[in-house]
Amino acid sequence: MTSEQYLRDTIKELNIKQVTFHALRHSHASYLISRGVAIQYVSERLGHADVSITQQVYSHLLNSLRVKEESKAISLLDDI
């Protein structure tokens, strides 16, 4: 049995929404990025040839993280 067939059978057995391995992969990467895991590591984990590919695909998350980091930086500088 292929891993795709196993996933389909398990989803059917659990009576949950259909999901693909690609969607799971994307969710996994999104979760790691949202939790602050370095983009270089996530890129390597996904097997992307270049980190710029990962940055393009997940730019929406990276922008959100940038706003949070900017707030932290300003807060730190205000404490000086």
N, C-alpha and C. Protein backbone atom coordinates (compact mmCIF):
# COMPACT_ATOMS: atom_id res chain seq x y z
N MET A 1 0.85 -1.17 0.00
CA MET A 1 0.00 0.00 0.00
C MET A 1 0.90 1.25 0.00
N THR A 2 0.59 2.18 -0.87
CA THR A 2 1.36 3.42 -0.92
C THR A 2 0.98 4.32 0.25
N SER A 3 1.84 5.27 0.54
CA SER A 3 1.54 6.19 1.64
C SER A 3 0.32 7.05 1.30
N GLU A 4 0.13 7.37 0.03
CA GLU A 4 -1.06 8.13 -0.37
C GLU A 4 -2.33 7.32 -0.14
N GLN A 5 -2.30 6.04 -0.47
CA GLN A 5 -3.46 5.18 -0.24
C GLN A 5 -3.72 5.03 1.25
N TYR A 6 -2.66 4.89 2.02
CA TYR A 6 -2.81 4.78 3.47
C TYR A 6 -3.46 6.04 4.04
N LEU A 7 -3.03 7.20 3.57
CA LEU A 7 -3.63 8.46 4.01
C LEU A 7 -5.10 8.51 3.64
N ARG A 8 -5.44 8.17 2.40
CA ARG A 8 -6.84 8.18 1.97
C ARG A 8 -7.69 7.23 2.81
N ASP A 9 -7.18 6.03 3.05
CA ASP A 9 -7.92 5.05 3.84
C ASP A 9 -8.13 5.52 5.27
N THR A 10 -7.10 6.11 5.84
CA THR A 10 -7.20 6.60 7.22
C THR A 10 -8.19 7.75 7.32
N ILE A 11 -8.17 8.64 6.37
CA ILE A 11 -9.11 9.77 6.34
C ILE A 11 -10.53 9.25 6.23
N LYS A 12 -10.71 8.27 5.37
CA LYS A 12 -12.04 7.68 5.18
C LYS A 12 -12.51 7.01 6.47
N GLU A 13 -11.62 6.26 7.10
CA GLU A 13 -11.94 5.56 8.34
C GLU A 13 -12.30 6.54 9.47
N LEU A 14 -11.60 7.65 9.53
CA LEU A 14 -11.84 8.64 10.58
C LEU A 14 -12.99 9.60 10.23
N ASN A 15 -13.43 9.51 8.98
CA ASN A 15 -14.53 10.35 8.50
C ASN A 15 -14.20 11.84 8.69
N ILE A 16 -13.01 12.22 8.23
CA ILE A 16 -12.59 13.61 8.31
C ILE A 16 -12.38 14.17 6.91
N LYS A 17 -12.20 15.49 6.85
CA LYS A 17 -12.03 16.16 5.57
C LYS A 17 -10.81 15.62 4.81
N GLN A 18 -10.99 15.43 3.52
CA GLN A 18 -9.91 14.95 2.65
C GLN A 18 -8.77 15.94 2.62
N VAL A 19 -7.56 15.46 2.71
CA VAL A 19 -6.37 16.30 2.66
C VAL A 19 -5.28 15.55 1.89
N THR A 20 -4.44 16.30 1.22
CA THR A 20 -3.36 15.69 0.44
C THR A 20 -2.04 15.79 1.20
N PHE A 21 -1.06 15.00 0.78
CA PHE A 21 0.26 15.10 1.38
C PHE A 21 0.85 16.48 1.14
N HIS A 22 0.56 17.05 -0.02
CA HIS A 22 1.07 18.39 -0.31
C HIS A 22 0.51 19.41 0.69
N ALA A 23 -0.76 19.30 1.01
CA ALA A 23 -1.38 20.21 1.99
C ALA A 23 -0.76 20.00 3.37
N LEU A 24 -0.49 18.75 3.73
CA LEU A 24 0.16 18.48 5.02
C LEU A 24 1.57 19.06 5.05
N ARG A 25 2.27 18.95 3.94
CA ARG A 25 3.62 19.50 3.83
C ARG A 25 3.60 21.02 4.01
N HIS A 26 2.64 21.66 3.34
CA HIS A 26 2.50 23.11 3.44
C HIS A 26 2.13 23.53 4.87
N SER A 27 1.22 22.80 5.49
CA SER A 27 0.83 23.09 6.87
C SER A 27 2.01 22.93 7.82
N HIS A 28 2.79 21.89 7.60
CA HIS A 28 3.97 21.63 8.42
C HIS A 28 4.95 22.80 8.32
N ALA A 29 5.26 23.21 7.11
CA ALA A 29 6.20 24.31 6.90
C ALA A 29 5.64 25.61 7.49
N SER A 30 4.36 25.86 7.28
CA SER A 30 3.74 27.07 7.82
C SER A 30 3.81 27.10 9.33
N TYR A 31 3.55 25.96 9.94
CA TYR A 31 3.62 25.88 11.40
C TYR A 31 5.03 26.17 11.90
N LEU A 32 6.02 25.56 11.28
CA LEU A 32 7.40 25.78 11.70
C LEU A 32 7.78 27.26 11.59
N ILE A 33 7.44 27.87 10.47
CA ILE A 33 7.76 29.28 10.26
C ILE A 33 7.04 30.15 11.29
N SER A 34 5.76 29.87 11.52
CA SER A 34 4.99 30.68 12.47
C SER A 34 5.51 30.55 13.90
N ARG A 35 6.21 29.45 14.19
CA ARG A 35 6.78 29.24 15.52
C ARG A 35 8.22 29.73 15.63
N GLY A 36 8.70 30.41 14.57
CA GLY A 36 10.00 31.04 14.63
C GLY A 36 11.17 30.17 14.19
N VAL A 37 10.90 29.03 13.58
CA VAL A 37 11.99 28.19 13.07
C VAL A 37 12.62 28.92 11.88
N ALA A 38 13.93 28.93 11.82
CA ALA A 38 14.65 29.66 10.78
C ALA A 38 14.22 29.21 9.39
N ILE A 39 14.02 30.19 8.52
CA ILE A 39 13.57 29.92 7.15
C ILE A 39 14.58 29.05 6.40
N GLN A 40 15.85 29.20 6.71
CA GLN A 40 16.87 28.39 6.05
C GLN A 40 16.68 26.91 6.39
N TYR A 41 16.35 26.63 7.65
CA TYR A 41 16.13 25.24 8.06
C TYR A 41 14.87 24.67 7.39
N VAL A 42 13.80 25.47 7.39
CA VAL A 42 12.55 25.01 6.77
C VAL A 42 12.78 24.73 5.29
N SER A 43 13.52 25.61 4.63
CA SER A 43 13.83 25.44 3.21
C SER A 43 14.58 24.13 2.97
N GLU A 44 15.56 23.89 3.81
CA GLU A 44 16.34 22.65 3.70
C GLU A 44 15.45 21.43 3.95
N ARG A 45 14.60 21.53 4.96
CA ARG A 45 13.70 20.43 5.32
C ARG A 45 12.75 20.09 4.17
N LEU A 46 12.30 21.13 3.47
CA LEU A 46 11.39 20.93 2.34
C LEU A 46 12.11 20.46 1.08
N GLY A 47 13.44 20.58 1.08
CA GLY A 47 14.20 20.14 -0.08
C GLY A 47 14.23 21.17 -1.19
N HIS A 48 13.96 22.43 -0.86
CA HIS A 48 14.01 23.47 -1.88
C HIS A 48 15.46 23.70 -2.30
N ALA A 49 15.66 23.95 -3.56
CA ALA A 49 17.00 24.15 -4.10
C ALA A 49 17.63 25.44 -3.57
N ASP A 50 16.78 26.39 -3.24
CA ASP A 50 17.27 27.70 -2.80
C ASP A 50 16.27 28.26 -1.79
N VAL A 51 16.79 28.96 -0.79
CA VAL A 51 15.93 29.53 0.25
C VAL A 51 14.95 30.56 -0.32
N SER A 52 15.30 31.16 -1.45
CA SER A 52 14.40 32.16 -2.05
C SER A 52 13.07 31.53 -2.48
N ILE A 53 13.08 30.27 -2.84
CA ILE A 53 11.84 29.57 -3.19
C ILE A 53 10.93 29.54 -1.97
N THR A 54 11.48 29.16 -0.84
CA THR A 54 10.71 29.09 0.40
C THR A 54 10.21 30.48 0.79
N GLN A 55 11.06 31.47 0.64
CA GLN A 55 10.66 32.84 0.98
C GLN A 55 9.50 33.31 0.12
N GLN A 56 9.50 32.95 -1.14
CA GLN A 56 8.41 33.36 -2.04
C GLN A 56 7.11 32.67 -1.66
N VAL A 57 7.17 31.37 -1.41
CA VAL A 57 5.96 30.60 -1.11
C VAL A 57 5.35 31.02 0.22
N TYR A 58 6.20 31.33 1.19
CA TYR A 58 5.72 31.62 2.54
C TYR A 58 5.87 33.10 2.91
N SER A 59 5.91 33.97 1.91
CA SER A 59 6.12 35.39 2.17
C SER A 59 5.04 35.99 3.05
N HIS A 60 3.80 35.51 2.94
CA HIS A 60 2.72 36.04 3.78
C HIS A 60 3.01 35.81 5.25
N LEU A 61 3.56 34.66 5.60
CA LEU A 61 3.91 34.38 6.99
C LEU A 61 5.13 35.19 7.42
N LEU A 62 6.08 35.31 6.53
CA LEU A 62 7.29 36.05 6.85
C LEU A 62 6.97 37.52 7.10
N ASN A 63 6.02 38.07 6.36
CA ASN A 63 5.62 39.46 6.57
C ASN A 63 4.98 39.63 7.95
N SER A 64 4.16 38.68 8.36
CA SER A 64 3.53 38.73 9.68
C SER A 64 4.59 38.68 10.77
N LEU A 65 5.57 37.81 10.60
CA LEU A 65 6.66 37.70 11.58
C LEU A 65 7.48 38.99 11.62
N ARG A 66 7.66 39.60 10.47
CA ARG A 66 8.42 40.84 10.40
C ARG A 66 7.74 41.93 11.23
N VAL A 67 6.44 42.03 11.15
CA VAL A 67 5.69 43.03 11.92
C VAL A 67 5.88 42.78 13.42
N LYS A 68 5.82 41.52 13.84
CA LYS A 68 6.03 41.19 15.25
C LYS A 68 7.45 41.53 15.69
N GLU A 69 8.42 41.21 14.86
CA GLU A 69 9.81 41.50 15.19
C GLU A 69 10.05 43.00 15.26
N GLU A 70 9.41 43.74 14.39
CA GLU A 70 9.53 45.20 14.40
C GLU A 70 9.00 45.77 15.72
N SER A 71 7.87 45.25 16.17
CA SER A 71 7.30 45.69 17.44
C SER A 71 8.24 45.39 18.60
N LYS A 72 8.83 44.18 18.57
CA LYS A 72 9.79 43.82 19.63
C LYS A 72 11.00 44.75 19.62
N ALA A 73 11.51 45.05 18.44
CA ALA A 73 12.68 45.92 18.32
C ALA A 73 12.39 47.30 18.85
N ILE A 74 11.24 47.85 18.49
CA ILE A 74 10.87 49.18 18.96
C ILE A 74 10.71 49.19 20.47
N SER A 75 10.09 48.16 21.00
CA SER A 75 9.91 48.04 22.44
C SER A 75 11.27 48.00 23.16
N LEU A 76 12.20 47.24 22.63
CA LEU A 76 13.54 47.16 23.21
C LEU A 76 14.24 48.52 23.18
N LEU A 77 14.11 49.20 22.06
CA LEU A 77 14.75 50.51 21.93
C LEU A 77 14.10 51.55 22.84
N ASP A 78 12.81 51.43 23.07
CA ASP A 78 12.12 52.34 23.99
C ASP A 78 12.61 52.17 25.41
N ASP A 79 13.11 51.00 25.75
CA ASP A 79 13.58 50.72 27.10
C ASP A 79 14.97 51.28 27.37
N ILE A 80 15.63 51.79 26.34
CA ILE A 80 17.01 52.29 26.52
C ILE A 80 16.98 53.62 27.26
